C-alpha atoms as a PDB file:
ATOM      1  CA  MET A   1     104.861 103.216 100.525  1.00  0.00           C
ATOM      2  CA  GLY A   2     105.216  99.476 101.042  1.00  0.00           C
ATOM      3  CA  ASP A   3     107.326  99.058  97.907  1.00  0.00           C
ATOM      4  CA  VAL A   4     109.659 101.834  99.021  1.00  0.00           C
ATOM      5  CA  ALA A   5     109.887 100.474 102.576  1.00  0.00           C
ATOM      6  CA  MET A   6     110.958  97.108 101.169  1.00  0.00           C
ATOM      7  CA  THR A   7     113.984  98.749  99.554  1.00  0.00           C
ATOM      8  CA  VAL A   8     115.291  99.976 102.926  1.00  0.00           C
ATOM      9  CA  PRO A   9     116.913  96.752 104.226  1.00  0.00           C
ATOM     10  CA  VAL A  10     118.408  96.158 100.783  1.00  0.00           C
ATOM     11  CA  ILE A  11     119.905  99.647 100.602  1.00  0.00           C
ATOM     12  CA  LYS A  12     121.175  99.322 104.176  1.00  0.00           C
ATOM     13  CA  ALA A  13     122.861  96.042 103.267  1.00  0.00           C
ATOM     14  CA  LEU A  14     124.317  97.630 100.138  1.00  0.00           C
ATOM     15  CA  THR A  15     125.892 100.546 102.009  1.00  0.00           C
ATOM     16  CA  GLN A  16     127.096  98.370 104.891  1.00  0.00           C
ATOM     17  CA  GLN A  17     128.746  95.861 102.560  1.00  0.00           C
ATOM     18  CA  HIS A  18     130.050  98.446 100.067  1.00  0.00           C
ATOM     19  CA  PRO A  19     130.975 101.374 102.357  1.00  0.00           C
ATOM     20  CA  THR A  20     132.766 103.398  99.671  1.00  0.00           C
ATOM     21  CA  ILE A  21     129.724 103.942  97.489  1.00  0.00           C
ATOM     22  CA  LYS A  22     127.212 106.774  97.698  1.00  0.00           C
ATOM     23  CA  ILE A  23     123.487 106.304  97.089  1.00  0.00           C
ATOM     24  CA  THR A  24     120.924 108.887  96.054  1.00  0.00           C
ATOM     25  CA  VAL A  25     117.365 107.644  96.589  1.00  0.00           C
ATOM     26  CA  VAL A  26     114.785 109.345  94.343  1.00  0.00           C
ATOM     27  CA  SER A  27     111.188 109.244  95.562  1.00  0.00           C
ATOM     28  CA  LYS A  28     108.357 111.420  96.819  1.00  0.00           C
ATOM     29  CA  ALA A  29     109.342 113.858  99.557  1.00  0.00           C
ATOM     30  CA  PHE A  30     107.127 112.429 102.321  1.00  0.00           C
ATOM     31  CA  LEU A  31     109.090 109.157 102.179  1.00  0.00           C
ATOM     32  CA  ALA A  32     112.419 110.750 103.062  1.00  0.00           C
ATOM     33  CA  PRO A  33     112.247 109.674 106.759  1.00  0.00           C
ATOM     34  CA  LEU A  34     112.501 106.031 105.667  1.00  0.00           C
ATOM     35  CA  PHE A  35     116.119 106.610 104.713  1.00  0.00           C
ATOM     36  CA  GLU A  36     117.241 108.907 107.511  1.00  0.00           C
ATOM     37  CA  GLY A  37     120.239 107.638 109.431  1.00  0.00           C
ATOM     38  CA  ILE A  38     121.524 105.352 106.656  1.00  0.00           C
ATOM     39  CA  GLU A  39     125.163 106.214 106.052  1.00  0.00           C
ATOM     40  CA  HIS A  40     126.186 107.313 102.553  1.00  0.00           C
ATOM     41  CA  VAL A  41     122.544 107.758 101.488  1.00  0.00           C
ATOM     42  CA  ASP A  42     121.084 111.059 100.292  1.00  0.00           C
ATOM     43  CA  PHE A  43     117.455 111.628  99.418  1.00  0.00           C
ATOM     44  CA  PHE A  44     116.274 113.481  96.295  1.00  0.00           C
ATOM     45  CA  ALA A  45     112.616 114.503  96.273  1.00  0.00           C
ATOM     46  CA  ALA A  46     110.827 113.929  92.968  1.00  0.00           C
ATOM     47  CA  GLU A  47     108.145 116.617  92.694  1.00  0.00           C
ATOM     48  CA  VAL A  48     105.862 114.701  90.359  1.00  0.00           C
ATOM     49  CA  THR A  49     102.889 117.039  90.754  1.00  0.00           C
ATOM     50  CA  SER A  50     104.838 120.202  89.960  1.00  0.00           C
ATOM     51  CA  LYS A  51     108.230 120.734  88.349  1.00  0.00           C
ATOM     52  CA  HIS A  52     108.778 117.034  87.552  1.00  0.00           C
ATOM     53  CA  LYS A  53     105.280 116.453  86.168  1.00  0.00           C
ATOM     54  CA  GLY A  54     104.819 115.041  82.675  1.00  0.00           C
ATOM     55  CA  LEU A  55     107.417 114.245  80.030  1.00  0.00           C
ATOM     56  CA  TYR A  56     109.129 117.633  80.200  1.00  0.00           C
ATOM     57  CA  GLY A  57     109.161 117.482  83.971  1.00  0.00           C
ATOM     58  CA  LEU A  58     110.763 114.052  83.923  1.00  0.00           C
ATOM     59  CA  PHE A  59     113.400 115.315  81.520  1.00  0.00           C
ATOM     60  CA  ARG A  60     114.077 118.110  84.020  1.00  0.00           C
ATOM     61  CA  LEU A  61     114.376 115.452  86.734  1.00  0.00           C
ATOM     62  CA  TYR A  62     116.870 113.559  84.570  1.00  0.00           C
ATOM     63  CA  GLN A  63     118.927 116.722  84.065  1.00  0.00           C
ATOM     64  CA  GLU A  64     118.989 117.435  87.794  1.00  0.00           C
ATOM     65  CA  LEU A  65     120.029 113.881  88.591  1.00  0.00           C
ATOM     66  CA  LYS A  66     122.707 113.913  85.891  1.00  0.00           C
ATOM     67  CA  LYS A  67     124.354 116.890  87.638  1.00  0.00           C
ATOM     68  CA  LEU A  68     125.021 114.555  90.571  1.00  0.00           C
ATOM     69  CA  GLN A  69     127.309 112.609  88.198  1.00  0.00           C
ATOM     70  CA  PRO A  70     126.007 109.126  88.983  1.00  0.00           C
ATOM     71  CA  THR A  71     127.916 106.118  87.697  1.00  0.00           C
ATOM     72  CA  HIS A  72     124.973 103.689  87.941  1.00  0.00           C
ATOM     73  CA  PHE A  73     121.171 103.943  87.736  1.00  0.00           C
ATOM     74  CA  ALA A  74     119.013 101.352  89.529  1.00  0.00           C
ATOM     75  CA  ASP A  75     115.321 101.370  88.615  1.00  0.00           C
ATOM     76  CA  LEU A  76     113.708  99.547  91.550  1.00  0.00           C
ATOM     77  CA  HIS A  77     110.135 100.343  90.543  1.00  0.00           C
ATOM     78  CA  ASN A  78     109.818  99.819  86.778  1.00  0.00           C
ATOM     79  CA  VAL A  79     106.752 102.000  86.301  1.00  0.00           C
ATOM     80  CA  LEU A  80     106.072 104.649  83.667  1.00  0.00           C
ATOM     81  CA  ARG A  81     107.923 107.518  85.367  1.00  0.00           C
ATOM     82  CA  SER A  82     110.993 105.494  86.244  1.00  0.00           C
ATOM     83  CA  LYS A  83     111.039 103.957  82.760  1.00  0.00           C
ATOM     84  CA  VAL A  84     111.106 107.429  81.202  1.00  0.00           C
ATOM     85  CA  VAL A  85     113.927 108.666  83.436  1.00  0.00           C
ATOM     86  CA  ARG A  86     116.036 105.551  82.930  1.00  0.00           C
ATOM     87  CA  THR A  87     115.500 105.815  79.168  1.00  0.00           C
ATOM     88  CA  PHE A  88     116.914 109.351  79.252  1.00  0.00           C
ATOM     89  CA  PHE A  89     119.997 107.996  81.020  1.00  0.00           C
ATOM     90  CA  GLN A  90     120.321 105.208  78.462  1.00  0.00           C
ATOM     91  CA  LEU A  91     120.002 107.627  75.536  1.00  0.00           C
ATOM     92  CA  PHE A  92     122.020 110.588  76.754  1.00  0.00           C
ATOM     93  CA  SER A  93     124.648 109.184  79.115  1.00  0.00           C
ATOM     94  CA  SER A  94     127.080 106.295  79.355  1.00  0.00           C
ATOM     95  CA  ILE A  95     126.252 105.105  82.892  1.00  0.00           C
ATOM     96  CA  LYS A  96     125.197 101.535  83.572  1.00  0.00           C
ATOM     97  CA  VAL A  97     121.439 101.048  83.992  1.00  0.00           C
ATOM     98  CA  SER A  98     119.550  98.110  85.484  1.00  0.00           C
ATOM     99  CA  THR A  99     115.868  97.597  86.284  1.00  0.00           C
ATOM    100  CA  ILE A 100     113.816  95.238  88.419  1.00  0.00           C
ATOM    101  CA  ASP A 101     112.237  92.145  86.904  1.00  0.00           C
ATOM    102  CA  LYS A 102     108.814  92.072  88.543  1.00  0.00           C
ATOM    103  CA  GLY A 103     108.134  88.502  87.432  1.00  0.00           C
ATOM    104  CA  ARG A 104     104.791  89.357  85.914  1.00  0.00           C
ATOM    105  CA  LYS A 105     104.438  86.042  84.038  1.00  0.00           C
ATOM    106  CA  GLU A 106     104.873  83.827  87.105  1.00  0.00           C
ATOM    107  CA  LYS A 107     102.674  86.136  89.182  1.00  0.00           C
ATOM    108  CA  LYS A 108      99.945  85.772  86.578  1.00  0.00           C
ATOM    109  CA  LEU A 109     100.152  81.981  86.933  1.00  0.00           C
ATOM    110  CA  LEU A 110     100.060  82.255  90.713  1.00  0.00           C
ATOM    111  CA  THR A 111      96.802  84.235  90.645  1.00  0.00           C
ATOM    112  CA  ALA A 112      95.087  82.412  87.773  1.00  0.00           C
ATOM    113  CA  GLU A 113      91.628  81.012  88.465  1.00  0.00           C
ATOM    114  CA  THR A 114      92.382  77.974  86.304  1.00  0.00           C
ATOM    115  CA  THR A 115      95.715  76.311  85.404  1.00  0.00           C
ATOM    116  CA  LYS A 116      97.077  77.759  88.608  1.00  0.00           C
ATOM    117  CA  THR A 117     100.724  77.284  89.656  1.00  0.00           C
ATOM    118  CA  ILE A 118     101.191  77.539  93.438  1.00  0.00           C
ATOM    119  CA  GLN A 119     104.810  78.103  94.377  1.00  0.00           C
ATOM    120  CA  GLN A 120     106.940  80.546  96.319  1.00  0.00           C
ATOM    121  CA  LEU A 121     108.126  83.253  93.952  1.00  0.00           C
ATOM    122  CA  LYS A 122     111.247  85.335  94.363  1.00  0.00           C
ATOM    123  CA  THR A 123     110.756  87.964  97.060  1.00  0.00           C
ATOM    124  CA  SER A 124     110.701  91.657  96.206  1.00  0.00           C
ATOM    125  CA  HIS A 125     113.765  92.065  98.409  1.00  0.00           C
ATOM    126  CA  GLN A 126     115.660  89.527  96.313  1.00  0.00           C
ATOM    127  CA  ARG A 127     114.476  91.231  93.124  1.00  0.00           C
ATOM    128  CA  TYR A 128     116.009  94.486  94.407  1.00  0.00           C
ATOM    129  CA  VAL A 129     119.222  92.615  95.237  1.00  0.00           C
ATOM    130  CA  ASP A 130     119.288  91.293  91.668  1.00  0.00           C
ATOM    131  CA  VAL A 131     119.203  94.847  90.287  1.00  0.00           C
ATOM    132  CA  PHE A 132     122.293  95.817  92.264  1.00  0.00           C
ATOM    133  CA  SER A 133     123.998  92.523  91.388  1.00  0.00           C
ATOM    134  CA  ASP A 134     123.456  93.334  87.725  1.00  0.00           C
ATOM    135  CA  LEU A 135     125.203  96.661  88.373  1.00  0.00           C
ATOM    136  CA  GLY A 136     128.160  94.830  89.925  1.00  0.00           C
ATOM    137  CA  PHE A 137     127.333  95.058  93.643  1.00  0.00           C
ATOM    138  CA  THR A 138     126.704  91.783  95.472  1.00  0.00           C
ATOM    139  CA  ILE A 139     124.536  91.896  98.608  1.00  0.00           C
ATOM    140  CA  ASP A 140     124.047  89.379 101.415  1.00  0.00           C
ATOM    141  CA  LEU A 141     120.724  90.185 103.083  1.00  0.00           C
ATOM    142  CA  LYS A 142     121.471  87.771 105.926  1.00  0.00           C
ATOM    143  CA  LYS A 143     124.210  90.117 107.140  1.00  0.00           C
ATOM    144  CA  VAL A 144     122.281  93.396 107.163  1.00  0.00           C
ATOM    145  CA  ILE A 145     122.104  95.337 110.435  1.00  0.00           C
ATOM    146  CA  LEU A 146     118.734  97.039 110.998  1.00  0.00           C
ATOM    147  CA  ASP A 147     119.158 100.005 113.330  1.00  0.00           C
ATOM    148  CA  THR A 148     116.432 101.268 115.652  1.00  0.00           C
ATOM    149  CA  TYR A 149     116.250 104.281 117.958  1.00  0.00           C
ATOM    150  CA  PRO A 150     114.620 104.955 121.347  1.00  0.00           C
ATOM    151  CA  LEU A 151     111.476 107.037 121.683  1.00  0.00           C
ATOM    152  CA  ASN A 152     112.031 110.660 120.786  1.00  0.00           C
ATOM    153  CA  SER A 153     110.980 113.552 123.009  1.00  0.00           C
ATOM    154  CA  VAL A 154     107.925 114.384 120.870  1.00  0.00           C
ATOM    155  CA  ASN A 155     106.497 110.878 121.226  1.00  0.00           C
ATOM    156  CA  ILE A 156     107.349 110.677 124.919  1.00  0.00           C
ATOM    157  CA  SER A 157     105.434 113.894 125.506  1.00  0.00           C
ATOM    158  CA  LYS A 158     102.360 112.410 123.778  1.00  0.00           C
ATOM    159  CA  LEU A 159     102.500 108.790 124.927  1.00  0.00           C
ATOM    160  CA  GLY A 160     104.728 108.747 127.981  1.00  0.00           C
ATOM    161  CA  ASN A 161     107.583 106.330 128.527  1.00  0.00           C
ATOM    162  CA  LYS A 162     107.180 102.676 127.641  1.00  0.00           C
ATOM    163  CA  THR A 163     106.410 100.684 130.802  1.00  0.00           C
ATOM    164  CA  LYS A 164     104.673  97.596 129.366  1.00  0.00           C
ATOM    165  CA  PRO A 165     104.663  95.646 126.070  1.00  0.00           C
ATOM    166  CA  TRP A 166     103.547  97.713 123.092  1.00  0.00           C
ATOM    167  CA  ILE A 167     101.565  96.081 120.294  1.00  0.00           C
ATOM    168  CA  GLY A 168     100.703  97.917 117.107  1.00  0.00           C
ATOM    169  CA  ILE A 169      97.656  97.058 115.006  1.00  0.00           C
ATOM    170  CA  ALA A 170      97.274  98.352 111.464  1.00  0.00           C
ATOM    171  CA  PRO A 171      93.775  97.159 110.526  1.00  0.00           C
ATOM    172  CA  PHE A 172      93.360  98.628 107.057  1.00  0.00           C
ATOM    173  CA  ALA A 173      94.714  97.973 103.572  1.00  0.00           C
ATOM    174  CA  ALA A 174      94.262  99.474 100.129  1.00  0.00           C
ATOM    175  CA  PHE A 175      91.550  96.947  99.234  1.00  0.00           C
ATOM    176  CA  GLN A 176      88.715  95.411 101.236  1.00  0.00           C
ATOM    177  CA  SER A 177      89.679  91.911 100.084  1.00  0.00           C
ATOM    178  CA  LYS A 178      92.788  92.011 102.272  1.00  0.00           C
ATOM    179  CA  THR A 179      91.299  93.825 105.273  1.00  0.00           C
ATOM    180  CA  TYR A 180      90.368  91.748 108.330  1.00  0.00           C
ATOM    181  CA  PRO A 181      86.708  92.399 109.278  1.00  0.00           C
ATOM    182  CA  LEU A 182      86.489  94.963 112.079  1.00  0.00           C
ATOM    183  CA  ASP A 183      84.020  92.925 114.116  1.00  0.00           C
ATOM    184  CA  LEU A 184      86.533  90.074 114.261  1.00  0.00           C
ATOM    185  CA  LEU A 185      89.410  92.453 114.913  1.00  0.00           C
ATOM    186  CA  GLU A 186      87.531  93.838 117.900  1.00  0.00           C
ATOM    187  CA  GLN A 187      87.381  90.311 119.301  1.00  0.00           C
ATOM    188  CA  VAL A 188      91.173  90.200 119.013  1.00  0.00           C
ATOM    189  CA  ILE A 189      91.500  93.574 120.730  1.00  0.00           C
ATOM    190  CA  ASN A 190      89.060  92.584 123.473  1.00  0.00           C
ATOM    191  CA  GLN A 191      91.148  89.526 124.344  1.00  0.00           C
ATOM    192  CA  LEU A 192      94.470  91.342 124.152  1.00  0.00           C
ATOM    193  CA  THR A 193      93.392  94.202 126.407  1.00  0.00           C
ATOM    194  CA  LYS A 194      92.667  91.781 129.244  1.00  0.00           C
ATOM    195  CA  ASN A 195      96.450  91.624 129.629  1.00  0.00           C
ATOM    196  CA  ASP A 196      98.864  94.285 130.880  1.00  0.00           C
ATOM    197  CA  ILE A 197      99.815  95.637 127.461  1.00  0.00           C
ATOM    198  CA  GLN A 198      99.358  98.824 125.435  1.00  0.00           C
ATOM    199  CA  LEU A 199      97.713  98.711 122.011  1.00  0.00           C
ATOM    200  CA  PHE A 200      98.301 101.335 119.344  1.00  0.00           C
ATOM    201  CA  LEU A 201      96.014 101.552 116.306  1.00  0.00           C
ATOM    202  CA  PHE A 202      97.633 102.815 113.089  1.00  0.00           C
ATOM    203  CA  GLY A 203      95.801 104.372 110.169  1.00  0.00           C
ATOM    204  CA  GLY A 204      95.399 107.455 108.028  1.00  0.00           C
ATOM    205  CA  ASN A 205      93.184 110.479 108.490  1.00  0.00           C
ATOM    206  CA  ASN A 206      90.350 108.675 106.708  1.00  0.00           C
ATOM    207  CA  ASP A 207      90.483 105.920 109.326  1.00  0.00           C
ATOM    208  CA  ARG A 208      90.398 108.265 112.303  1.00  0.00           C
ATOM    209  CA  GLU A 209      86.696 108.047 113.118  1.00  0.00           C
ATOM    210  CA  ALA A 210      86.567 104.239 112.976  1.00  0.00           C
ATOM    211  CA  LEU A 211      89.688 103.818 115.098  1.00  0.00           C
ATOM    212  CA  GLU A 212      88.601 106.358 117.706  1.00  0.00           C
ATOM    213  CA  LYS A 213      85.376 104.386 118.205  1.00  0.00           C
ATOM    214  CA  ILE A 214      87.466 101.323 118.984  1.00  0.00           C
ATOM    215  CA  GLU A 215      89.749 103.352 121.241  1.00  0.00           C
ATOM    216  CA  LYS A 216      86.795 104.427 123.386  1.00  0.00           C
ATOM    217  CA  LYS A 217      85.513 100.864 123.793  1.00  0.00           C
ATOM    218  CA  TYR A 218      88.675  99.206 125.099  1.00  0.00           C
ATOM    219  CA  ASN A 219      91.177  99.919 127.852  1.00  0.00           C
ATOM    220  CA  ASN A 220      94.863 100.432 127.082  1.00  0.00           C
ATOM    221  CA  THR A 221      94.014 101.147 123.442  1.00  0.00           C
ATOM    222  CA  THR A 222      95.168 104.319 121.674  1.00  0.00           C
ATOM    223  CA  SER A 223      94.395 105.394 118.138  1.00  0.00           C
ATOM    224  CA  LEU A 224      97.291 107.207 116.441  1.00  0.00           C
ATOM    225  CA  ALA A 225      95.384 108.027 113.250  1.00  0.00           C
ATOM    226  CA  GLY A 226      95.790 111.701 112.467  1.00  0.00           C
ATOM    227  CA  LYS A 227      97.560 112.382 115.756  1.00  0.00           C
ATOM    228  CA  LEU A 228     101.204 112.131 114.762  1.00  0.00           C
ATOM    229  CA  ASN A 229     103.197 114.920 113.219  1.00  0.00           C
ATOM    230  CA  GLY A 230     104.549 113.173 110.146  1.00  0.00           C
ATOM    231  CA  LEU A 231     106.036 109.850 109.127  1.00  0.00           C
ATOM    232  CA  ARG A 232     109.202 110.392 111.172  1.00  0.00           C
ATOM    233  CA  ASN A 233     107.336 110.220 114.484  1.00  0.00           C
ATOM    234  CA  GLU A 234     105.203 107.311 113.309  1.00  0.00           C
ATOM    235  CA  LEU A 235     108.324 105.323 112.430  1.00  0.00           C
ATOM    236  CA  ASN A 236     109.808 106.096 115.824  1.00  0.00           C
ATOM    237  CA  ILE A 237     106.769 104.587 117.556  1.00  0.00           C
ATOM    238  CA  ILE A 238     106.795 101.572 115.242  1.00  0.00           C
ATOM    239  CA  GLU A 239     110.448 100.791 115.965  1.00  0.00           C
ATOM    240  CA  ASN A 240     109.643 100.709 119.693  1.00  0.00           C
ATOM    241  CA  LEU A 241     106.817  98.174 119.336  1.00  0.00           C
ATOM    242  CA  ASP A 242     107.215  94.622 120.562  1.00  0.00           C
ATOM    243  CA  ILE A 243     104.870  93.303 117.866  1.00  0.00           C
ATOM    244  CA  MET A 244     103.063  94.720 114.844  1.00  0.00           C
ATOM    245  CA  LEU A 245      99.849  93.094 113.622  1.00  0.00           C
ATOM    246  CA  SER A 246      99.162  94.245 110.087  1.00  0.00           C
ATOM    247  CA  MET A 247      97.359  93.392 106.905  1.00  0.00           C
ATOM    248  CA  ASP A 248      99.311  92.827 103.688  1.00  0.00           C
ATOM    249  CA  SER A 249     100.040  96.556 103.614  1.00  0.00           C
ATOM    250  CA  GLY A 250     102.689  99.234 104.004  1.00  0.00           C
ATOM    251  CA  ASN A 251     102.666  99.176 107.800  1.00  0.00           C
ATOM    252  CA  ALA A 252     103.918  95.591 107.781  1.00  0.00           C
ATOM    253  CA  HIS A 253     106.958  96.651 105.774  1.00  0.00           C
ATOM    254  CA  LEU A 254     107.579  99.710 107.948  1.00  0.00           C
ATOM    255  CA  ALA A 255     107.685  97.468 111.010  1.00  0.00           C
ATOM    256  CA  ALA A 256     109.823  94.776 109.408  1.00  0.00           C
ATOM    257  CA  MET A 257     112.415  97.277 108.190  1.00  0.00           C
ATOM    258  CA  LYS A 258     112.764  98.280 111.861  1.00  0.00           C
ATOM    259  CA  ASN A 259     113.287  94.641 112.895  1.00  0.00           C
ATOM    260  CA  VAL A 260     109.956  94.479 114.748  1.00  0.00           C
ATOM    261  CA  LYS A 261     108.211  91.104 115.001  1.00  0.00           C
ATOM    262  CA  THR A 262     105.525  91.465 112.334  1.00  0.00           C
ATOM    263  CA  ILE A 263     102.432  89.264 112.078  1.00  0.00           C
ATOM    264  CA  THR A 264     100.506  89.671 108.839  1.00  0.00           C
ATOM    265  CA  LEU A 265      96.946  88.657 107.941  1.00  0.00           C
ATOM    266  CA  TRP A 266      96.363  87.653 104.322  1.00  0.00           C
ATOM    267  CA  GLY A 267      93.104  87.694 102.402  1.00  0.00           C
ATOM    268  CA  ASN A 268      92.931  87.400  98.619  1.00  0.00           C
ATOM    269  CA  THR A 269      96.684  87.960  98.315  1.00  0.00           C
ATOM    270  CA  HIS A 270      99.411  85.529  99.366  1.00  0.00           C
ATOM    271  CA  PRO A 271     103.002  85.746 100.667  1.00  0.00           C
ATOM    272  CA  TYR A 272     104.079  83.460  97.802  1.00  0.00           C
ATOM    273  CA  ALA A 273     103.869  86.518  95.518  1.00  0.00           C
ATOM    274  CA  GLY A 274     106.986  87.832  97.231  1.00  0.00           C
ATOM    275  CA  PHE A 275     105.589  90.630  99.373  1.00  0.00           C
ATOM    276  CA  ALA A 276     105.976  89.118 102.825  1.00  0.00           C
ATOM    277  CA  PRO A 277     107.667  91.479 105.313  1.00  0.00           C
ATOM    278  CA  PHE A 278     111.440  91.336 105.482  1.00  0.00           C
ATOM    279  CA  ASN A 279     113.151  88.671 107.587  1.00  0.00           C
ATOM    280  CA  GLN A 280     109.980  87.409 109.273  1.00  0.00           C
ATOM    281  CA  PRO A 281     109.367  83.671 109.878  1.00  0.00           C
ATOM    282  CA  GLU A 282     106.900  82.004 107.537  1.00  0.00           C
ATOM    283  CA  ASP A 283     104.487  81.222 110.370  1.00  0.00           C
ATOM    284  CA  PHE A 284     104.129  84.949 111.111  1.00  0.00           C
ATOM    285  CA  CYS A 285     101.947  85.044 107.974  1.00  0.00           C
ATOM    286  CA  ILE A 286      98.417  83.956 108.915  1.00  0.00           C
ATOM    287  CA  LEU A 287      96.395  82.792 105.915  1.00  0.00           C
ATOM    288  CA  PRO A 288      92.714  81.949 105.329  1.00  0.00           C
ATOM    289  CA  ASP A 289      91.510  78.349 105.249  1.00  0.00           C
ATOM    290  CA  LEU A 290      93.198  77.126 102.056  1.00  0.00           C
ATOM    291  CA  GLU A 291      91.193  73.890 102.029  1.00  0.00           C
ATOM    292  CA  LYS A 292      87.975  75.874 101.920  1.00  0.00           C
ATOM    293  CA  PHE A 293      89.439  78.407  99.473  1.00  0.00           C
ATOM    294  CA  PRO A 294      91.872  76.411  97.286  1.00  0.00           C
ATOM    295  CA  LEU A 295      92.013  79.018  94.510  1.00  0.00           C
ATOM    296  CA  LEU A 296      93.838  81.579  96.646  1.00  0.00           C
ATOM    297  CA  PRO A 297      95.514  83.855  95.844  1.00  0.00           C
ATOM    298  CA  CYS A 298      93.091  85.754  93.609  1.00  0.00           C
ATOM    299  CA  SER A 299      95.304  88.778  93.144  1.00  0.00           C
ATOM    300  CA  ILE A 300      98.809  90.126  93.659  1.00  0.00           C
ATOM    301  CA  TYR A 301      97.655  93.453  95.125  1.00  0.00           C
ATOM    302  CA  GLY A 302      94.139  92.616  96.333  1.00  0.00           C
ATOM    303  CA  ASN A 303      92.329  94.550  93.615  1.00  0.00           C
ATOM    304  CA  LYS A 304      90.372  91.572  92.254  1.00  0.00           C
ATOM    305  CA  THR A 305      88.712  88.452  93.604  1.00  0.00           C
ATOM    306  CA  PHE A 306      86.919  85.296  92.482  1.00  0.00           C
ATOM    307  CA  ASP A 307      83.212  84.611  92.989  1.00  0.00           C
ATOM    308  CA  GLY A 308      82.659  83.273  96.479  1.00  0.00           C
ATOM    309  CA  TYR A 309      86.031  84.532  97.714  1.00  0.00           C
ATOM    310  CA  GLU A 310      84.895  87.942  98.918  1.00  0.00           C
ATOM    311  CA  ASN A 311      85.063  87.067 102.622  1.00  0.00           C
ATOM    312  CA  VAL A 312      87.963  84.639 102.864  1.00  0.00           C
ATOM    313  CA  MET A 313      89.391  86.483 105.870  1.00  0.00           C
ATOM    314  CA  ARG A 314      86.452  85.395 107.991  1.00  0.00           C
ATOM    315  CA  SER A 315      88.010  81.918 107.973  1.00  0.00           C
ATOM    316  CA  ILE A 316      90.842  83.300 110.166  1.00  0.00           C
ATOM    317  CA  SER A 317      89.692  83.002 113.758  1.00  0.00           C
ATOM    318  CA  PRO A 318      90.437  85.756 116.289  1.00  0.00           C
ATOM    319  CA  ASP A 319      91.689  83.056 118.688  1.00  0.00           C
ATOM    320  CA  LYS A 320      94.380  82.025 116.211  1.00  0.00           C
ATOM    321  CA  ILE A 321      95.654  85.601 115.996  1.00  0.00           C
ATOM    322  CA  VAL A 322      95.627  86.081 119.760  1.00  0.00           C
ATOM    323  CA  LYS A 323      97.501  82.827 120.324  1.00  0.00           C
ATOM    324  CA  LYS A 324     100.194  83.848 117.857  1.00  0.00           C
ATOM    325  CA  ILE A 325     100.650  87.233 119.549  1.00  0.00           C
ATOM    326  CA  ALA A 326     100.716  85.588 122.994  1.00  0.00           C
ATOM    327  CA  SER A 327     103.380  83.135 121.861  1.00  0.00           C
ATOM    328  CA  LEU A 328     105.632  86.006 120.780  1.00  0.00           C
ATOM    329  CA  LEU A 329     105.122  87.955 124.002  1.00  0.00           C
END
């Protein structure tokens, strides 16, 4: 989800700066709300567990997309499925094809345990821009307009109207190595709820029990895990937040694409890999103690770590997080 969310500001910039073109975004159906409201953008659901499953299914997907008569094909993911579909276009059509350079070699150097090279790599957003530039469409990300919308009637009926600052907290990530310990997070929540604000906790159905326990312990704290009817309503709440506090995870990118101030906590990953949320100041990324843990980052995605680096996030103090949030309020 995070990868797809990062394409949104780029595609918005593309359509705003090239208003005569038409875009068809191909992804899984549940992600369609990310692109709603973007002019000249249609969404095509890839049914990868049914009719578009396997090689024959991907060939069927290619045939269906070819009927749309595209003039260009941008592969923004460069994974097995997208490679297969773009290969069909290269073999059986004359349209121009371009694919993202993920920078795997420099990312490997960034995360090496020895002979490490620490430097800011090209952002994923810029890598997407490069794909469209290769197709002949220049994009200036500094000029993109990120639209947001007021609370919808469904969310108002559940949460009421907004009468105080709203802060979102997304405490979980795909891997434990980039998840802030819950006992420390509760210290953050405890301090924040002493102020006249409303906290919303974001998570999936699997997180519901843990977040509801926190909800019961603190005033002005509401868990949204499993309570919202789809991604569309979740996005509508996110775009009405004053601040989002997130791990290096999809929720950070959902908030940033809605122009919400987004603070991110980093564990064994690092914003230098290019996955920092869109258009957020560098000091919105809060990192572990790099003097104590000089070999960070250990991983691009958080799926591996070095010995002794399992709990690097404990070097981020709750006070530091609270002070950053307070400064933005």
